[in-house]
């Protein structure tokens, strides 16, 4: 019978996520992961495989935890337009919060690895599609509520919003200030008119 794990897997994934999010995949060393997670190398390899396997688990963990939280208002606020507006305005606020210039792990990873790593490209594509679908659902609610004019191409607008949301994350990563992020988000939201 295998020995039970002596660590909290979610905590390890959170800690590994933080280091990958801060440094990126390539710049994160195994020693960084050992230091951040508290696992020794043998336990890390036995539990998660190599660095790439751990990274892929982290991306899934991020998607389940952080991405779900980021887009919760799009699902939970009944007023579709208000949900979209709040999602963008919150992204602008949190993008400049103390120590938050990390952007989005999924966007960062897609930019770093997708051009030469099909697994990461597929994960990033799926994440974008989920965001696009979530925006489309909120847009359809808003149109049904009369908060956004009928006749809009919902799929095209959802893609624009999902891509623009990634833009907010990239701007945050590069250290954009609050005024810049606010201006950017308000210009994006003008597309709803």
C-alpha atoms as a PDB file:
ATOM      1  CA  UNK A   1       0.000   0.000   0.000  1.00  0.00           C
ATOM      2  CA  UNK A   2       1.472   3.399  -0.987  1.00  0.00           C
ATOM      3  CA  UNK A   3       2.311   5.848   1.752  1.00  0.00           C
ATOM      4  CA  UNK A   4      -0.225   8.684   2.070  1.00  0.00           C
ATOM      5  CA  UNK A   5       0.945  12.093   0.973  1.00  0.00           C
ATOM      6  CA  UNK A   6       2.297  14.234   3.767  1.00  0.00           C
ATOM      7  CA  UNK A   7       1.329  17.526   2.133  1.00  0.00           C
ATOM      8  CA  UNK A   8      -1.735  19.460   1.096  1.00  0.00           C
ATOM      9  CA  UNK A   9      -1.877  19.212  -2.697  1.00  0.00           C
ATOM     10  CA  UNK A  10      -3.944  22.383  -3.110  1.00  0.00           C
ATOM     11  CA  UNK A  11      -1.440  24.366  -1.056  1.00  0.00           C
ATOM     12  CA  UNK A  12       1.441  23.009  -3.144  1.00  0.00           C
ATOM     13  CA  UNK A  13      -0.399  23.927  -6.359  1.00  0.00           C
ATOM     14  CA  UNK A  14      -1.138  27.418  -4.982  1.00  0.00           C
ATOM     15  CA  UNK A  15       2.523  27.961  -4.126  1.00  0.00           C
ATOM     16  CA  UNK A  16       3.746  26.595  -7.454  1.00  0.00           C
ATOM     17  CA  UNK A  17       1.144  28.760  -9.206  1.00  0.00           C
ATOM     18  CA  UNK A  18       2.482  31.867  -7.489  1.00  0.00           C
ATOM     19  CA  UNK A  19       6.059  31.267  -8.580  1.00  0.00           C
ATOM     20  CA  UNK A  20       5.112  30.402 -12.182  1.00  0.00           C
ATOM     21  CA  UNK A  21       2.813  33.441 -12.239  1.00  0.00           C
ATOM     22  CA  UNK A  22       5.562  35.746 -11.015  1.00  0.00           C
ATOM     23  CA  UNK A  23       8.501  34.378 -13.001  1.00  0.00           C
ATOM     24  CA  UNK A  24       7.010  32.490 -15.950  1.00  0.00           C
ATOM     25  CA  UNK A  25       7.687  28.888 -16.912  1.00  0.00           C
ATOM     26  CA  UNK A  26      11.166  29.243 -18.381  1.00  0.00           C
ATOM     27  CA  UNK A  27      12.556  31.453 -15.596  1.00  0.00           C
ATOM     28  CA  UNK A  28      11.216  29.220 -12.823  1.00  0.00           C
ATOM     29  CA  UNK A  29      13.784  26.656 -11.734  1.00  0.00           C
ATOM     30  CA  UNK A  30      13.184  23.375  -9.961  1.00  0.00           C
ATOM     31  CA  UNK A  31      14.931  24.919  -6.954  1.00  0.00           C
ATOM     32  CA  UNK A  32      12.429  27.823  -7.041  1.00  0.00           C
ATOM     33  CA  UNK A  33       9.620  25.256  -6.938  1.00  0.00           C
ATOM     34  CA  UNK A  34      11.266  23.336  -4.090  1.00  0.00           C
ATOM     35  CA  UNK A  35      11.702  26.570  -2.125  1.00  0.00           C
ATOM     36  CA  UNK A  36       8.180  27.810  -2.825  1.00  0.00           C
ATOM     37  CA  UNK A  37       6.289  24.555  -2.261  1.00  0.00           C
ATOM     38  CA  UNK A  38       8.332  23.131   0.598  1.00  0.00           C
ATOM     39  CA  UNK A  39       8.538  19.761  -1.160  1.00  0.00           C
ATOM     40  CA  UNK A  40      11.853  18.089  -1.767  1.00  0.00           C
ATOM     41  CA  UNK A  41      12.744  17.180  -5.347  1.00  0.00           C
ATOM     42  CA  UNK A  42      11.951  13.484  -4.908  1.00  0.00           C
ATOM     43  CA  UNK A  43       8.459  14.209  -3.540  1.00  0.00           C
ATOM     44  CA  UNK A  44       7.798  16.752  -6.274  1.00  0.00           C
ATOM     45  CA  UNK A  45       8.786  14.369  -9.063  1.00  0.00           C
ATOM     46  CA  UNK A  46       6.943  11.427  -7.482  1.00  0.00           C
ATOM     47  CA  UNK A  47       3.758  13.448  -6.977  1.00  0.00           C
ATOM     48  CA  UNK A  48       3.653  15.706 -10.024  1.00  0.00           C
ATOM     49  CA  UNK A  49       6.211  14.445 -12.541  1.00  0.00           C
ATOM     50  CA  UNK A  50       8.612  16.865 -14.174  1.00  0.00           C
ATOM     51  CA  UNK A  51       8.437  20.667 -14.176  1.00  0.00           C
ATOM     52  CA  UNK A  52       6.252  20.705 -17.295  1.00  0.00           C
ATOM     53  CA  UNK A  53       3.757  18.233 -15.818  1.00  0.00           C
ATOM     54  CA  UNK A  54       3.530  20.331 -12.648  1.00  0.00           C
ATOM     55  CA  UNK A  55       3.090  23.460 -14.758  1.00  0.00           C
ATOM     56  CA  UNK A  56       0.196  21.905 -16.677  1.00  0.00           C
ATOM     57  CA  UNK A  57      -1.438  20.911 -13.377  1.00  0.00           C
ATOM     58  CA  UNK A  58      -0.928  24.492 -12.170  1.00  0.00           C
ATOM     59  CA  UNK A  59      -2.643  25.880 -15.292  1.00  0.00           C
ATOM     60  CA  UNK A  60      -5.635  23.632 -14.641  1.00  0.00           C
ATOM     61  CA  UNK A  61      -5.631  24.656 -10.966  1.00  0.00           C
ATOM     62  CA  UNK A  62      -5.452  28.338 -11.981  1.00  0.00           C
ATOM     63  CA  UNK A  63      -8.329  27.905 -14.392  1.00  0.00           C
ATOM     64  CA  UNK A  64     -10.478  26.235 -11.734  1.00  0.00           C
ATOM     65  CA  UNK A  65      -9.617  28.715  -8.995  1.00  0.00           C
ATOM     66  CA  UNK A  66      -8.585  32.149 -10.281  1.00  0.00           C
ATOM     67  CA  UNK A  67     -10.315  32.270 -13.655  1.00  0.00           C
ATOM     68  CA  UNK A  68     -13.557  31.056 -12.106  1.00  0.00           C
ATOM     69  CA  UNK A  69     -13.340  33.870  -9.529  1.00  0.00           C
ATOM     70  CA  UNK A  70     -12.429  36.504 -12.146  1.00  0.00           C
ATOM     71  CA  UNK A  71     -15.502  35.771 -14.230  1.00  0.00           C
ATOM     72  CA  UNK A  72     -17.929  34.999 -11.389  1.00  0.00           C
ATOM     73  CA  UNK A  73     -19.783  38.311 -11.752  1.00  0.00           C
ATOM     74  CA  UNK A  74     -20.538  37.519 -15.392  1.00  0.00           C
ATOM     75  CA  UNK A  75     -22.416  34.442 -14.188  1.00  0.00           C
ATOM     76  CA  UNK A  76     -23.831  35.745 -10.913  1.00  0.00           C
ATOM     77  CA  UNK A  77     -25.035  39.290 -11.565  1.00  0.00           C
ATOM     78  CA  UNK A  78     -28.450  39.106 -13.189  1.00  0.00           C
ATOM     79  CA  UNK A  79     -28.080  42.409 -15.078  1.00  0.00           C
ATOM     80  CA  UNK A  80     -25.843  41.305 -17.966  1.00  0.00           C
ATOM     81  CA  UNK A  81     -24.515  44.763 -18.787  1.00  0.00           C
ATOM     82  CA  UNK A  82     -23.765  45.568 -15.140  1.00  0.00           C
ATOM     83  CA  UNK A  83     -21.958  42.215 -14.875  1.00  0.00           C
ATOM     84  CA  UNK A  84     -19.703  43.049 -17.827  1.00  0.00           C
ATOM     85  CA  UNK A  85     -19.023  46.573 -16.552  1.00  0.00           C
ATOM     86  CA  UNK A  86     -18.170  45.321 -13.056  1.00  0.00           C
ATOM     87  CA  UNK A  87     -15.871  42.617 -14.437  1.00  0.00           C
ATOM     88  CA  UNK A  88     -13.807  45.171 -16.361  1.00  0.00           C
ATOM     89  CA  UNK A  89     -13.791  47.816 -13.628  1.00  0.00           C
ATOM     90  CA  UNK A  90     -12.722  45.249 -11.040  1.00  0.00           C
ATOM     91  CA  UNK A  91      -9.926  44.074 -13.352  1.00  0.00           C
ATOM     92  CA  UNK A  92      -8.695  47.669 -13.618  1.00  0.00           C
ATOM     93  CA  UNK A  93      -8.726  48.043  -9.821  1.00  0.00           C
ATOM     94  CA  UNK A  94      -7.048  44.747  -8.975  1.00  0.00           C
ATOM     95  CA  UNK A  95      -4.513  45.179 -11.772  1.00  0.00           C
ATOM     96  CA  UNK A  96      -2.789  47.955  -9.841  1.00  0.00           C
ATOM     97  CA  UNK A  97      -3.313  46.656  -6.307  1.00  0.00           C
ATOM     98  CA  UNK A  98      -0.225  46.276  -4.131  1.00  0.00           C
ATOM     99  CA  UNK A  99       2.016  43.607  -5.617  1.00  0.00           C
ATOM    100  CA  UNK A 100      -0.514  42.672  -8.281  1.00  0.00           C
ATOM    101  CA  UNK A 101       1.379  43.516 -11.436  1.00  0.00           C
ATOM    102  CA  UNK A 102       1.327  39.847 -12.366  1.00  0.00           C
ATOM    103  CA  UNK A 103      -1.369  40.008 -15.034  1.00  0.00           C
ATOM    104  CA  UNK A 104      -3.024  36.672 -15.782  1.00  0.00           C
ATOM    105  CA  UNK A 105      -1.104  33.405 -15.557  1.00  0.00           C
ATOM    106  CA  UNK A 106      -3.030  31.973 -18.512  1.00  0.00           C
ATOM    107  CA  UNK A 107      -2.344  35.014 -20.716  1.00  0.00           C
ATOM    108  CA  UNK A 108       1.289  35.207 -19.594  1.00  0.00           C
ATOM    109  CA  UNK A 109       1.784  31.499 -20.287  1.00  0.00           C
ATOM    110  CA  UNK A 110       0.080  31.730 -23.644  1.00  0.00           C
ATOM    111  CA  UNK A 111       2.366  34.580 -24.659  1.00  0.00           C
ATOM    112  CA  UNK A 112       5.486  32.806 -23.385  1.00  0.00           C
ATOM    113  CA  UNK A 113       4.875  29.237 -24.524  1.00  0.00           C
ATOM    114  CA  UNK A 114       1.992  28.869 -26.985  1.00  0.00           C
ATOM    115  CA  UNK A 115       4.038  29.699 -30.098  1.00  0.00           C
ATOM    116  CA  UNK A 116       6.186  26.582 -29.575  1.00  0.00           C
ATOM    117  CA  UNK A 117       4.248  24.406 -27.112  1.00  0.00           C
ATOM    118  CA  UNK A 118       1.031  22.826 -28.437  1.00  0.00           C
ATOM    119  CA  UNK A 119      -0.147  21.672 -24.981  1.00  0.00           C
ATOM    120  CA  UNK A 120       0.012  25.168 -23.515  1.00  0.00           C
ATOM    121  CA  UNK A 121      -1.476  26.626 -26.710  1.00  0.00           C
ATOM    122  CA  UNK A 122      -4.455  24.254 -26.418  1.00  0.00           C
ATOM    123  CA  UNK A 123      -4.996  25.106 -22.745  1.00  0.00           C
ATOM    124  CA  UNK A 124      -4.783  28.843 -23.468  1.00  0.00           C
ATOM    125  CA  UNK A 125      -7.209  28.459 -26.386  1.00  0.00           C
ATOM    126  CA  UNK A 126      -9.696  26.576 -24.197  1.00  0.00           C
ATOM    127  CA  UNK A 127      -9.436  29.242 -21.488  1.00  0.00           C
ATOM    128  CA  UNK A 128     -10.069  31.998 -24.046  1.00  0.00           C
ATOM    129  CA  UNK A 129     -13.068  30.098 -25.407  1.00  0.00           C
ATOM    130  CA  UNK A 130     -14.536  29.709 -21.889  1.00  0.00           C
ATOM    131  CA  UNK A 131     -14.108  33.458 -21.293  1.00  0.00           C
ATOM    132  CA  UNK A 132     -15.672  34.216 -24.664  1.00  0.00           C
ATOM    133  CA  UNK A 133     -18.652  31.946 -23.904  1.00  0.00           C
ATOM    134  CA  UNK A 134     -19.089  33.535 -20.471  1.00  0.00           C
ATOM    135  CA  UNK A 135     -19.117  37.024 -21.994  1.00  0.00           C
ATOM    136  CA  UNK A 136     -21.575  35.820 -24.677  1.00  0.00           C
ATOM    137  CA  UNK A 137     -23.970  34.547 -22.013  1.00  0.00           C
ATOM    138  CA  UNK A 138     -23.859  37.894 -20.173  1.00  0.00           C
ATOM    139  CA  UNK A 139     -24.314  39.766 -23.478  1.00  0.00           C
ATOM    140  CA  UNK A 140     -27.370  37.679 -24.359  1.00  0.00           C
ATOM    141  CA  UNK A 141     -28.844  38.432 -20.925  1.00  0.00           C
ATOM    142  CA  UNK A 142     -28.175  42.151 -21.393  1.00  0.00           C
ATOM    143  CA  UNK A 143     -29.766  42.153 -24.843  1.00  0.00           C
ATOM    144  CA  UNK A 144     -32.796  40.272 -23.495  1.00  0.00           C
ATOM    145  CA  UNK A 145     -33.062  42.837 -20.681  1.00  0.00           C
ATOM    146  CA  UNK A 146     -32.871  45.753 -23.122  1.00  0.00           C
ATOM    147  CA  UNK A 147     -29.562  46.956 -21.605  1.00  0.00           C
ATOM    148  CA  UNK A 148     -27.676  46.481 -24.881  1.00  0.00           C
ATOM    149  CA  UNK A 149     -29.232  47.105 -28.290  1.00  0.00           C
ATOM    150  CA  UNK A 150     -30.472  44.161 -30.314  1.00  0.00           C
ATOM    151  CA  UNK A 151     -28.695  43.522 -33.577  1.00  0.00           C
ATOM    152  CA  UNK A 152     -25.217  43.256 -32.083  1.00  0.00           C
ATOM    153  CA  UNK A 153     -23.108  40.342 -33.264  1.00  0.00           C
ATOM    154  CA  UNK A 154     -22.914  38.632 -29.878  1.00  0.00           C
ATOM    155  CA  UNK A 155     -20.129  36.192 -30.786  1.00  0.00           C
ATOM    156  CA  UNK A 156     -17.937  38.934 -32.281  1.00  0.00           C
ATOM    157  CA  UNK A 157     -18.555  41.246 -29.313  1.00  0.00           C
ATOM    158  CA  UNK A 158     -17.847  38.392 -26.853  1.00  0.00           C
ATOM    159  CA  UNK A 159     -14.534  37.726 -28.633  1.00  0.00           C
ATOM    160  CA  UNK A 160     -13.706  41.418 -28.489  1.00  0.00           C
ATOM    161  CA  UNK A 161     -14.475  41.543 -24.758  1.00  0.00           C
ATOM    162  CA  UNK A 162     -12.497  38.368 -23.996  1.00  0.00           C
ATOM    163  CA  UNK A 163      -9.517  39.670 -25.981  1.00  0.00           C
ATOM    164  CA  UNK A 164      -9.797  43.082 -24.377  1.00  0.00           C
ATOM    165  CA  UNK A 165      -9.894  41.490 -20.936  1.00  0.00           C
ATOM    166  CA  UNK A 166      -6.607  39.798 -21.820  1.00  0.00           C
ATOM    167  CA  UNK A 167      -5.346  43.234 -22.826  1.00  0.00           C
ATOM    168  CA  UNK A 168      -6.167  44.585 -19.361  1.00  0.00           C
ATOM    169  CA  UNK A 169      -4.143  41.724 -17.875  1.00  0.00           C
ATOM    170  CA  UNK A 170      -1.171  42.399 -20.184  1.00  0.00           C
ATOM    171  CA  UNK A 171      -1.252  46.103 -19.378  1.00  0.00           C
ATOM    172  CA  UNK A 172      -1.328  45.277 -15.681  1.00  0.00           C
ATOM    173  CA  UNK A 173       1.658  42.948 -16.105  1.00  0.00           C
ATOM    174  CA  UNK A 174       3.688  45.705 -17.717  1.00  0.00           C
ATOM    175  CA  UNK A 175       2.858  48.032 -14.820  1.00  0.00           C
ATOM    176  CA  UNK A 176       0.146  50.306 -16.219  1.00  0.00           C
ATOM    177  CA  UNK A 177      -1.165  52.852 -13.718  1.00  0.00           C
ATOM    178  CA  UNK A 178      -4.754  53.108 -12.498  1.00  0.00           C
ATOM    179  CA  UNK A 179      -5.707  55.988 -14.795  1.00  0.00           C
ATOM    180  CA  UNK A 180      -4.467  54.103 -17.856  1.00  0.00           C
ATOM    181  CA  UNK A 181      -6.342  50.924 -16.929  1.00  0.00           C
ATOM    182  CA  UNK A 182      -9.511  52.901 -16.159  1.00  0.00           C
ATOM    183  CA  UNK A 183      -9.340  54.733 -19.510  1.00  0.00           C
ATOM    184  CA  UNK A 184      -8.721  51.479 -21.353  1.00  0.00           C
ATOM    185  CA  UNK A 185     -11.651  49.724 -19.661  1.00  0.00           C
ATOM    186  CA  UNK A 186     -14.068  52.609 -20.204  1.00  0.00           C
ATOM    187  CA  UNK A 187     -13.165  52.674 -23.908  1.00  0.00           C
ATOM    188  CA  UNK A 188     -13.801  48.941 -24.131  1.00  0.00           C
ATOM    189  CA  UNK A 189     -17.157  49.328 -22.366  1.00  0.00           C
ATOM    190  CA  UNK A 190     -18.186  51.995 -24.885  1.00  0.00           C
ATOM    191  CA  UNK A 191     -18.532  49.138 -27.392  1.00  0.00           C
ATOM    192  CA  UNK A 192     -21.649  48.062 -25.487  1.00  0.00           C
ATOM    193  CA  UNK A 193     -23.467  51.252 -26.508  1.00  0.00           C
END
